[in-house]
Each structure stands twice: as C-alpha cells, then as structure tokens.
Full PDB file with SEQRES, HELIX, SHEET, SSBOND, CRYST1, ORIGX, SCALE, CONECT and MASTER records, all heavy atoms in Angstrom:
SEQRES   1 A   37  PHE THR SER GLY THR THR ALA SER ILE ASN LEU VAL ALA          
SEQRES   2 A   37  TYR GLY TYR ALA MET LYS TYR LEU LYS GLU GLY ASP GLU          
SEQRES   3 A   37  ILE LEU LEU THR GLU ALA GLU HIS ALA SER ASN                  
HELIX    1 AA1 THR A    5  VAL A   12  1                                   8    
HELIX    2 AA2 ALA A   13  ALA A   17  3                                   5    
HELIX    3 AA3 MET A   18  TYR A   20  1                                   3    
CRYST1    1.000    1.000    1.000  90.00  90.00  90.00 P 1           1          
ORIGX1      1.000000  0.000000  0.000000        0.00000                         
ORIGX2      0.000000  1.000000  0.000000        0.00000                         
ORIGX3      0.000000  0.000000  1.000000        0.00000                         
SCALE1      1.000000  0.000000  0.000000        0.00000                         
SCALE2      0.000000  1.000000  0.000000        0.00000                         
SCALE3      0.000000  0.000000  1.000000        0.00000                         
ATOM      1  N   PHE A   1      25.713  77.945  97.998  1.00  0.00           N  
ATOM      2  CA  PHE A   1      25.796  76.583  98.505  1.00  0.00           C  
ATOM      3  C   PHE A   1      24.473  75.854  98.246  1.00  0.00           C  
ATOM      4  O   PHE A   1      23.391  76.381  98.554  1.00  0.00           O  
ATOM      5  CB  PHE A   1      26.106  76.571 100.001  1.00  0.00           C  
ATOM      6  CG  PHE A   1      27.494  77.069 100.327  1.00  0.00           C  
ATOM      7  CD1 PHE A   1      27.676  78.110 101.224  1.00  0.00           C  
ATOM      8  CD2 PHE A   1      28.604  76.502  99.735  1.00  0.00           C  
ATOM      9  CE1 PHE A   1      28.950  78.578 101.521  1.00  0.00           C  
ATOM     10  CE2 PHE A   1      29.887  76.961 100.019  1.00  0.00           C  
ATOM     11  CZ  PHE A   1      30.053  78.005 100.915  1.00  0.00           C  
ATOM     12  N   THR A   2      24.581  74.669  97.667  1.00  0.00           N  
ATOM     13  CA  THR A   2      23.412  73.831  97.381  1.00  0.00           C  
ATOM     14  C   THR A   2      23.694  72.425  97.921  1.00  0.00           C  
ATOM     15  O   THR A   2      24.721  72.195  98.571  1.00  0.00           O  
ATOM     16  CB  THR A   2      23.158  73.750  95.866  1.00  0.00           C  
ATOM     17  OG1 THR A   2      24.220  72.996  95.251  1.00  0.00           O  
ATOM     18  CG2 THR A   2      23.076  75.136  95.236  1.00  0.00           C  
ATOM     19  N   SER A   3      22.828  71.491  97.612  1.00  0.00           N  
ATOM     20  CA  SER A   3      23.066  70.114  98.044  1.00  0.00           C  
ATOM     21  C   SER A   3      23.889  69.324  97.036  1.00  0.00           C  
ATOM     22  O   SER A   3      24.270  68.189  97.310  1.00  0.00           O  
ATOM     23  CB  SER A   3      21.735  69.392  98.291  1.00  0.00           C  
ATOM     24  OG  SER A   3      20.998  69.272  97.083  1.00  0.00           O  
ATOM     25  N   GLY A   4      24.172  69.901  95.868  1.00  0.00           N  
ATOM     26  CA  GLY A   4      24.963  69.197  94.868  1.00  0.00           C  
ATOM     27  C   GLY A   4      24.671  69.729  93.475  1.00  0.00           C  
ATOM     28  O   GLY A   4      23.879  70.666  93.295  1.00  0.00           O  
ATOM     29  N   THR A   5      25.300  69.114  92.483  1.00  0.00           N  
ATOM     30  CA  THR A   5      25.138  69.563  91.102  1.00  0.00           C  
ATOM     31  C   THR A   5      23.684  69.530  90.660  1.00  0.00           C  
ATOM     32  O   THR A   5      23.208  70.444  89.977  1.00  0.00           O  
ATOM     33  CB  THR A   5      25.986  68.682  90.163  1.00  0.00           C  
ATOM     34  OG1 THR A   5      27.354  68.724  90.595  1.00  0.00           O  
ATOM     35  CG2 THR A   5      25.906  69.164  88.729  1.00  0.00           C  
ATOM     36  N   THR A   6      22.968  68.484  91.024  1.00  0.00           N  
ATOM     37  CA  THR A   6      21.558  68.368  90.633  1.00  0.00           C  
ATOM     38  C   THR A   6      20.752  69.557  91.135  1.00  0.00           C  
ATOM     39  O   THR A   6      19.988  70.181  90.381  1.00  0.00           O  
ATOM     40  CB  THR A   6      20.959  67.058  91.169  1.00  0.00           C  
ATOM     41  OG1 THR A   6      21.682  65.948  90.628  1.00  0.00           O  
ATOM     42  CG2 THR A   6      19.487  66.930  90.798  1.00  0.00           C  
ATOM     43  N   ALA A   7      20.919  69.885  92.410  1.00  0.00           N  
ATOM     44  CA  ALA A   7      20.190  71.028  92.978  1.00  0.00           C  
ATOM     45  C   ALA A   7      20.616  72.327  92.312  1.00  0.00           C  
ATOM     46  O   ALA A   7      19.789  73.227  92.082  1.00  0.00           O  
ATOM     47  CB  ALA A   7      20.428  71.097  94.484  1.00  0.00           C  
ATOM     48  N   SER A   8      21.894  72.451  91.983  1.00  0.00           N  
ATOM     49  CA  SER A   8      22.389  73.682  91.359  1.00  0.00           C  
ATOM     50  C   SER A   8      21.761  73.902  89.993  1.00  0.00           C  
ATOM     51  O   SER A   8      21.329  75.019  89.661  1.00  0.00           O  
ATOM     52  CB  SER A   8      23.913  73.621  91.235  1.00  0.00           C  
ATOM     53  OG  SER A   8      24.531  73.565  92.503  1.00  0.00           O  
ATOM     54  N   ILE A   9      21.706  72.848  89.183  1.00  0.00           N  
ATOM     55  CA  ILE A   9      21.120  72.988  87.844  1.00  0.00           C  
ATOM     56  C   ILE A   9      19.618  73.244  87.948  1.00  0.00           C  
ATOM     57  O   ILE A   9      19.058  74.062  87.205  1.00  0.00           O  
ATOM     58  CB  ILE A   9      21.428  71.739  86.994  1.00  0.00           C  
ATOM     59  CG1 ILE A   9      22.946  71.631  86.767  1.00  0.00           C  
ATOM     60  CG2 ILE A   9      20.698  71.804  85.646  1.00  0.00           C  
ATOM     61  CD1 ILE A   9      23.378  70.353  86.085  1.00  0.00           C  
ATOM     62  N   ASN A  10      18.964  72.569  88.880  1.00  0.00           N  
ATOM     63  CA  ASN A  10      17.536  72.828  89.079  1.00  0.00           C  
ATOM     64  C   ASN A  10      17.287  74.261  89.517  1.00  0.00           C  
ATOM     65  O   ASN A  10      16.282  74.872  89.131  1.00  0.00           O  
ATOM     66  CB  ASN A  10      16.972  71.849  90.114  1.00  0.00           C  
ATOM     67  CG  ASN A  10      16.492  70.551  89.502  1.00  0.00           C  
ATOM     68  OD1 ASN A  10      15.348  70.438  89.065  1.00  0.00           O  
ATOM     69  ND2 ASN A  10      17.374  69.560  89.445  1.00  0.00           N  
ATOM     70  N   LEU A  11      18.194  74.817  90.308  1.00  0.00           N  
ATOM     71  CA  LEU A  11      18.049  76.203  90.733  1.00  0.00           C  
ATOM     72  C   LEU A  11      18.075  77.150  89.539  1.00  0.00           C  
ATOM     73  O   LEU A  11      17.281  78.091  89.448  1.00  0.00           O  
ATOM     74  CB  LEU A  11      19.159  76.562  91.730  1.00  0.00           C  
ATOM     75  CG  LEU A  11      19.234  78.006  92.212  1.00  0.00           C  
ATOM     76  CD1 LEU A  11      17.899  78.493  92.764  1.00  0.00           C  
ATOM     77  CD2 LEU A  11      20.331  78.156  93.257  1.00  0.00           C  
ATOM     78  N   VAL A  12      18.967  76.886  88.594  1.00  0.00           N  
ATOM     79  CA  VAL A  12      19.019  77.714  87.387  1.00  0.00           C  
ATOM     80  C   VAL A  12      17.763  77.514  86.542  1.00  0.00           C  
ATOM     81  O   VAL A  12      17.174  78.469  86.028  1.00  0.00           O  
ATOM     82  CB  VAL A  12      20.275  77.399  86.551  1.00  0.00           C  
ATOM     83  CG1 VAL A  12      20.304  78.245  85.282  1.00  0.00           C  
ATOM     84  CG2 VAL A  12      21.536  77.641  87.371  1.00  0.00           C  
ATOM     85  N   ALA A  13      17.337  76.257  86.413  1.00  0.00           N  
ATOM     86  CA  ALA A  13      16.162  75.957  85.593  1.00  0.00           C  
ATOM     87  C   ALA A  13      14.910  76.633  86.154  1.00  0.00           C  
ATOM     88  O   ALA A  13      14.133  77.248  85.407  1.00  0.00           O  
ATOM     89  CB  ALA A  13      15.951  74.448  85.506  1.00  0.00           C  
ATOM     90  N   TYR A  14      14.722  76.534  87.467  1.00  0.00           N  
ATOM     91  CA  TYR A  14      13.512  77.083  88.075  1.00  0.00           C  
ATOM     92  C   TYR A  14      13.654  78.576  88.379  1.00  0.00           C  
ATOM     93  O   TYR A  14      12.683  79.331  88.276  1.00  0.00           O  
ATOM     94  CB  TYR A  14      13.178  76.319  89.361  1.00  0.00           C  
ATOM     95  CG  TYR A  14      12.532  74.981  89.103  1.00  0.00           C  
ATOM     96  CD1 TYR A  14      13.302  73.858  88.838  1.00  0.00           C  
ATOM     97  CD2 TYR A  14      11.148  74.844  89.113  1.00  0.00           C  
ATOM     98  CE1 TYR A  14      12.721  72.628  88.593  1.00  0.00           C  
ATOM     99  CE2 TYR A  14      10.545  73.625  88.868  1.00  0.00           C  
ATOM    100  CZ  TYR A  14      11.331  72.515  88.608  1.00  0.00           C  
ATOM    101  OH  TYR A  14      10.747  71.303  88.348  1.00  0.00           O  
ATOM    102  N   GLY A  15      14.853  79.002  88.776  1.00  0.00           N  
ATOM    103  CA  GLY A  15      15.030  80.389  89.181  1.00  0.00           C  
ATOM    104  C   GLY A  15      15.268  81.344  88.027  1.00  0.00           C  
ATOM    105  O   GLY A  15      14.907  82.522  88.106  1.00  0.00           O  
ATOM    106  N   TYR A  16      15.856  80.837  86.943  1.00  0.00           N  
ATOM    107  CA  TYR A  16      16.125  81.703  85.792  1.00  0.00           C  
ATOM    108  C   TYR A  16      15.239  81.343  84.600  1.00  0.00           C  
ATOM    109  O   TYR A  16      14.487  82.170  84.102  1.00  0.00           O  
ATOM    110  CB  TYR A  16      17.595  81.628  85.387  1.00  0.00           C  
ATOM    111  CG  TYR A  16      17.916  82.563  84.240  1.00  0.00           C  
ATOM    112  CD1 TYR A  16      18.258  83.883  84.495  1.00  0.00           C  
ATOM    113  CD2 TYR A  16      17.821  82.153  82.915  1.00  0.00           C  
ATOM    114  CE1 TYR A  16      18.517  84.769  83.453  1.00  0.00           C  
ATOM    115  CE2 TYR A  16      18.072  83.020  81.866  1.00  0.00           C  
ATOM    116  CZ  TYR A  16      18.420  84.323  82.134  1.00  0.00           C  
ATOM    117  OH  TYR A  16      18.657  85.192  81.101  1.00  0.00           O  
ATOM    118  N   ALA A  17      15.336  80.093  84.136  1.00  0.00           N  
ATOM    119  CA  ALA A  17      14.628  79.724  82.903  1.00  0.00           C  
ATOM    120  C   ALA A  17      13.119  79.854  83.049  1.00  0.00           C  
ATOM    121  O   ALA A  17      12.439  80.350  82.139  1.00  0.00           O  
ATOM    122  CB  ALA A  17      15.009  78.303  82.494  1.00  0.00           C  
ATOM    123  N   MET A  18      12.578  79.407  84.174  1.00  0.00           N  
ATOM    124  CA  MET A  18      11.133  79.506  84.375  1.00  0.00           C  
ATOM    125  C   MET A  18      10.668  80.959  84.376  1.00  0.00           C  
ATOM    126  O   MET A  18       9.526  81.261  84.020  1.00  0.00           O  
ATOM    127  CB  MET A  18      10.736  78.842  85.694  1.00  0.00           C  
ATOM    128  CG  MET A  18      10.812  77.337  85.695  1.00  0.00           C  
ATOM    129  SD  MET A  18       9.455  76.577  84.754  1.00  0.00           S  
ATOM    130  CE  MET A  18       9.605  74.877  85.323  1.00  0.00           C  
ATOM    131  N   LYS A  19      11.549  81.862  84.762  1.00  0.00           N  
ATOM    132  CA  LYS A  19      11.179  83.271  84.867  1.00  0.00           C  
ATOM    133  C   LYS A  19      11.293  84.001  83.535  1.00  0.00           C  
ATOM    134  O   LYS A  19      10.443  84.843  83.211  1.00  0.00           O  
ATOM    135  CB  LYS A  19      12.066  83.948  85.917  1.00  0.00           C  
ATOM    136  CG  LYS A  19      11.705  85.398  86.199  1.00  0.00           C  
ATOM    137  CD  LYS A  19      12.550  85.951  87.344  1.00  0.00           C  
ATOM    138  CE  LYS A  19      12.140  87.383  87.677  1.00  0.00           C  
ATOM    139  NZ  LYS A  19      12.965  87.931  88.806  1.00  0.00           N  
ATOM    140  N   TYR A  20      12.282  83.654  82.746  1.00  0.00           N  
ATOM    141  CA  TYR A  20      12.590  84.474  81.577  1.00  0.00           C  
ATOM    142  C   TYR A  20      12.306  83.817  80.223  1.00  0.00           C  
ATOM    143  O   TYR A  20      12.154  84.527  79.221  1.00  0.00           O  
ATOM    144  CB  TYR A  20      14.062  84.919  81.624  1.00  0.00           C  
ATOM    145  CG  TYR A  20      14.332  85.867  82.753  1.00  0.00           C  
ATOM    146  CD1 TYR A  20      15.025  85.449  83.882  1.00  0.00           C  
ATOM    147  CD2 TYR A  20      13.875  87.181  82.710  1.00  0.00           C  
ATOM    148  CE1 TYR A  20      15.270  86.314  84.936  1.00  0.00           C  
ATOM    149  CE2 TYR A  20      14.104  88.052  83.761  1.00  0.00           C  
ATOM    150  CZ  TYR A  20      14.800  87.612  84.873  1.00  0.00           C  
ATOM    151  OH  TYR A  20      15.016  88.471  85.915  1.00  0.00           O  
ATOM    152  N   LEU A  21      12.225  82.508  80.162  1.00  0.00           N  
ATOM    153  CA  LEU A  21      11.960  81.876  78.864  1.00  0.00           C  
ATOM    154  C   LEU A  21      10.486  81.951  78.522  1.00  0.00           C  
ATOM    155  O   LEU A  21       9.621  81.953  79.407  1.00  0.00           O  
ATOM    156  CB  LEU A  21      12.440  80.426  78.855  1.00  0.00           C  
ATOM    157  CG  LEU A  21      13.872  80.234  78.305  1.00  0.00           C  
ATOM    158  CD1 LEU A  21      14.889  81.029  79.101  1.00  0.00           C  
ATOM    159  CD2 LEU A  21      14.244  78.765  78.267  1.00  0.00           C  
ATOM    160  N   LYS A  22      10.197  82.012  77.232  1.00  0.00           N  
ATOM    161  CA  LYS A  22       8.826  82.111  76.735  1.00  0.00           C  
ATOM    162  C   LYS A  22       8.523  80.939  75.814  1.00  0.00           C  
ATOM    163  O   LYS A  22       9.413  80.192  75.391  1.00  0.00           O  
ATOM    164  CB  LYS A  22       8.632  83.433  75.990  1.00  0.00           C  
ATOM    165  CG  LYS A  22       8.980  84.683  76.784  1.00  0.00           C  
ATOM    166  CD  LYS A  22       8.678  85.954  76.014  1.00  0.00           C  
ATOM    167  CE  LYS A  22       9.514  86.088  74.761  1.00  0.00           C  
ATOM    168  NZ  LYS A  22      10.952  86.249  75.048  1.00  0.00           N  
ATOM    169  N   GLU A  23       7.265  80.808  75.505  1.00  0.00           N  
ATOM    170  CA  GLU A  23       6.836  79.750  74.593  1.00  0.00           C  
ATOM    171  C   GLU A  23       7.592  79.877  73.262  1.00  0.00           C  
ATOM    172  O   GLU A  23       7.684  80.963  72.683  1.00  0.00           O  
ATOM    173  CB  GLU A  23       5.334  79.830  74.349  1.00  0.00           C  
ATOM    174  CG  GLU A  23       4.799  78.697  73.480  1.00  0.00           C  
ATOM    175  CD  GLU A  23       3.287  78.738  73.345  1.00  0.00           C  
ATOM    176  OE1 GLU A  23       2.655  79.609  73.997  1.00  0.00           O  
ATOM    177  OE2 GLU A  23       2.738  77.913  72.589  1.00  0.00           O  
ATOM    178  N   GLY A  24       8.111  78.756  72.789  1.00  0.00           N  
ATOM    179  CA  GLY A  24       8.839  78.748  71.531  1.00  0.00           C  
ATOM    180  C   GLY A  24      10.333  78.956  71.668  1.00  0.00           C  
ATOM    181  O   GLY A  24      11.089  78.694  70.723  1.00  0.00           O  
ATOM    182  N   ASP A  25      10.794  79.447  72.842  1.00  0.00           N  
ATOM    183  CA  ASP A  25      12.231  79.578  73.061  1.00  0.00           C  
ATOM    184  C   ASP A  25      12.874  78.191  73.099  1.00  0.00           C  
ATOM    185  O   ASP A  25      12.212  77.192  73.415  1.00  0.00           O  
ATOM    186  CB  ASP A  25      12.516  80.311  74.379  1.00  0.00           C  
ATOM    187  CG  ASP A  25      12.238  81.805  74.287  1.00  0.00           C  
ATOM    188  OD1 ASP A  25      12.125  82.310  73.158  1.00  0.00           O  
ATOM    189  OD2 ASP A  25      12.122  82.450  75.341  1.00  0.00           O  
ATOM    190  N   GLU A  26      14.164  78.149  72.821  1.00  0.00           N  
ATOM    191  CA  GLU A  26      14.842  76.851  72.715  1.00  0.00           C  
ATOM    192  C   GLU A  26      15.966  76.718  73.734  1.00  0.00           C  
ATOM    193  O   GLU A  26      16.693  77.666  74.027  1.00  0.00           O  
ATOM    194  CB  GLU A  26      15.429  76.681  71.314  1.00  0.00           C  
ATOM    195  CG  GLU A  26      16.121  75.332  71.104  1.00  0.00           C  
ATOM    196  CD  GLU A  26      16.726  75.204  69.723  1.00  0.00           C  
ATOM    197  OE1 GLU A  26      17.634  76.013  69.400  1.00  0.00           O  
ATOM    198  OE2 GLU A  26      16.305  74.321  68.967  1.00  0.00           O  
ATOM    199  N   ILE A  27      16.093  75.500  74.263  1.00  0.00           N  
ATOM    200  CA  ILE A  27      17.208  75.104  75.131  1.00  0.00           C  
ATOM    201  C   ILE A  27      17.967  74.010  74.407  1.00  0.00           C  
ATOM    202  O   ILE A  27      17.368  73.017  73.960  1.00  0.00           O  
ATOM    203  CB  ILE A  27      16.694  74.575  76.489  1.00  0.00           C  
ATOM    204  CG1 ILE A  27      15.846  75.631  77.195  1.00  0.00           C  
ATOM    205  CG2 ILE A  27      17.861  74.129  77.369  1.00  0.00           C  
ATOM    206  CD1 ILE A  27      15.015  75.086  78.340  1.00  0.00           C  
ATOM    207  N   LEU A  28      19.273  74.172  74.262  1.00  0.00           N  
ATOM    208  CA  LEU A  28      20.091  73.180  73.576  1.00  0.00           C  
ATOM    209  C   LEU A  28      20.893  72.357  74.574  1.00  0.00           C  
ATOM    210  O   LEU A  28      21.534  72.897  75.489  1.00  0.00           O  
ATOM    211  CB  LEU A  28      21.052  73.858  72.598  1.00  0.00           C  
ATOM    212  CG  LEU A  28      20.453  74.441  71.315  1.00  0.00           C  
ATOM    213  CD1 LEU A  28      21.557  75.100  70.486  1.00  0.00           C  
ATOM    214  CD2 LEU A  28      19.740  73.361  70.506  1.00  0.00           C  
ATOM    215  N   LEU A  29      20.878  71.039  74.374  1.00  0.00           N  
ATOM    216  CA  LEU A  29      21.639  70.089  75.183  1.00  0.00           C  
ATOM    217  C   LEU A  29      22.461  69.215  74.238  1.00  0.00           C  
ATOM    218  O   LEU A  29      22.519  69.471  73.048  1.00  0.00           O  
ATOM    219  CB  LEU A  29      20.684  69.199  75.997  1.00  0.00           C  
ATOM    220  CG  LEU A  29      19.528  69.879  76.738  1.00  0.00           C  
ATOM    221  CD1 LEU A  29      18.587  68.831  77.308  1.00  0.00           C  
ATOM    222  CD2 LEU A  29      20.065  70.775  77.843  1.00  0.00           C  
ATOM    223  N   THR A  30      23.100  68.158  74.781  1.00  0.00           N  
ATOM    224  CA  THR A  30      23.704  67.126  73.938  1.00  0.00           C  
ATOM    225  C   THR A  30      23.230  65.763  74.413  1.00  0.00           C  
ATOM    226  O   THR A  30      22.710  65.626  75.524  1.00  0.00           O  
ATOM    227  CB  THR A  30      25.251  67.145  73.982  1.00  0.00           C  
ATOM    228  OG1 THR A  30      25.701  66.527  75.204  1.00  0.00           O  
ATOM    229  CG2 THR A  30      25.800  68.551  73.868  1.00  0.00           C  
ATOM    230  N   GLU A  31      23.445  64.766  73.586  1.00  0.00           N  
ATOM    231  CA  GLU A  31      23.065  63.396  73.936  1.00  0.00           C  
ATOM    232  C   GLU A  31      23.874  62.847  75.106  1.00  0.00           C  
ATOM    233  O   GLU A  31      23.475  61.863  75.726  1.00  0.00           O  
ATOM    234  CB  GLU A  31      23.257  62.467  72.738  1.00  0.00           C  
ATOM    235  CG  GLU A  31      22.351  62.732  71.566  1.00  0.00           C  
ATOM    236  CD  GLU A  31      22.710  61.835  70.393  1.00  0.00           C  
ATOM    237  OE1 GLU A  31      22.378  60.628  70.442  1.00  0.00           O  
ATOM    238  OE2 GLU A  31      23.345  62.332  69.448  1.00  0.00           O  
ATOM    239  N   ALA A  32      25.012  63.456  75.390  1.00  0.00           N  
ATOM    240  CA  ALA A  32      25.919  62.930  76.408  1.00  0.00           C  
ATOM    241  C   ALA A  32      25.609  63.434  77.806  1.00  0.00           C  
ATOM    242  O   ALA A  32      26.296  63.067  78.764  1.00  0.00           O  
ATOM    243  CB  ALA A  32      27.363  63.286  76.053  1.00  0.00           C  
ATOM    244  N   GLU A  33      24.564  64.254  77.974  1.00  0.00           N  
ATOM    245  CA  GLU A  33      24.309  64.878  79.271  1.00  0.00           C  
ATOM    246  C   GLU A  33      23.780  63.885  80.303  1.00  0.00           C  
ATOM    247  O   GLU A  33      23.018  62.970  79.998  1.00  0.00           O  
ATOM    248  CB  GLU A  33      23.325  66.035  79.124  1.00  0.00           C  
ATOM    249  CG  GLU A  33      23.781  67.142  78.188  1.00  0.00           C  
ATOM    250  CD  GLU A  33      25.165  67.656  78.489  1.00  0.00           C  
ATOM    251  OE1 GLU A  33      25.480  67.887  79.669  1.00  0.00           O  
ATOM    252  OE2 GLU A  33      25.948  67.830  77.527  1.00  0.00           O  
ATOM    253  N   HIS A  34      24.184  64.127  81.534  1.00  0.00           N  
ATOM    254  CA  HIS A  34      23.664  63.412  82.704  1.00  0.00           C  
ATOM    255  C   HIS A  34      22.196  63.790  82.902  1.00  0.00           C  
ATOM    256  O   HIS A  34      21.759  64.873  82.513  1.00  0.00           O  
ATOM    257  CB  HIS A  34      24.489  63.808  83.924  1.00  0.00           C  
ATOM    258  CG  HIS A  34      24.239  63.014  85.158  1.00  0.00           C  
ATOM    259  ND1 HIS A  34      23.142  63.217  85.963  1.00  0.00           N  
ATOM    260  CD2 HIS A  34      24.951  62.017  85.741  1.00  0.00           C  
ATOM    261  CE1 HIS A  34      23.193  62.391  86.995  1.00  0.00           C  
ATOM    262  NE2 HIS A  34      24.276  61.650  86.886  1.00  0.00           N  
ATOM    263  N   ALA A  35      21.436  62.902  83.509  1.00  0.00           N  
ATOM    264  CA  ALA A  35      20.016  63.169  83.765  1.00  0.00           C  
ATOM    265  C   ALA A  35      19.794  64.498  84.481  1.00  0.00           C  
ATOM    266  O   ALA A  35      18.793  65.187  84.248  1.00  0.00           O  
ATOM    267  CB  ALA A  35      19.413  62.029  84.590  1.00  0.00           C  
ATOM    268  N   SER A  36      20.733  64.864  85.356  1.00  0.00           N  
ATOM    269  CA  SER A  36      20.593  66.108  86.106  1.00  0.00           C  
ATOM    270  C   SER A  36      20.687  67.339  85.224  1.00  0.00           C  
ATOM    271  O   SER A  36      20.283  68.431  85.637  1.00  0.00           O  
ATOM    272  CB  SER A  36      21.672  66.183  87.195  1.00  0.00           C  
ATOM    273  OG  SER A  36      21.504  65.136  88.133  1.00  0.00           O  
ATOM    274  N   ASN A  37      21.237  67.164  84.014  1.00  0.00           N  
ATOM    275  CA  ASN A  37      21.303  68.281  83.081  1.00  0.00           C  
ATOM    276  C   ASN A  37      20.394  68.060  81.872  1.00  0.00           C  
ATOM    277  O   ASN A  37      20.595  68.660  80.821  1.00  0.00           O  
ATOM    278  CB  ASN A  37      22.746  68.509  82.611  1.00  0.00           C  
ATOM    279  CG  ASN A  37      22.951  69.883  82.011  1.00  0.00           C  
ATOM    280  OD1 ASN A  37      22.311  70.859  82.418  1.00  0.00           O  
ATOM    281  ND2 ASN A  37      23.827  69.974  81.018  1.00  0.00           N  
TER     282      ASN A  37                                                      
MASTER        0    0    0    3    0    0    0    6  281    1    0    3          
END                                                                             
C-alpha cells in the first residue's frame, strides 16, 4: 500500500534502481510517459 502511482514508482526507483543500477546502466522510457514515470 502506497499513497498512489507516483509513490509506487518512486519506491521502485529508490528501493530497487538506486540499489542495483551502476554507472553507465540504461533505463528506457517512452515520450508518452507521465511525469511520475
């Protein structure tokens, strides 16, 4: 349970990506994404 989609995505970004991604790793998005993503 979170406060909403924004908090959920931030939880993944800070709880997973910040822990496991390294310099030079890539994250792919699309131009159509909401600011929260």
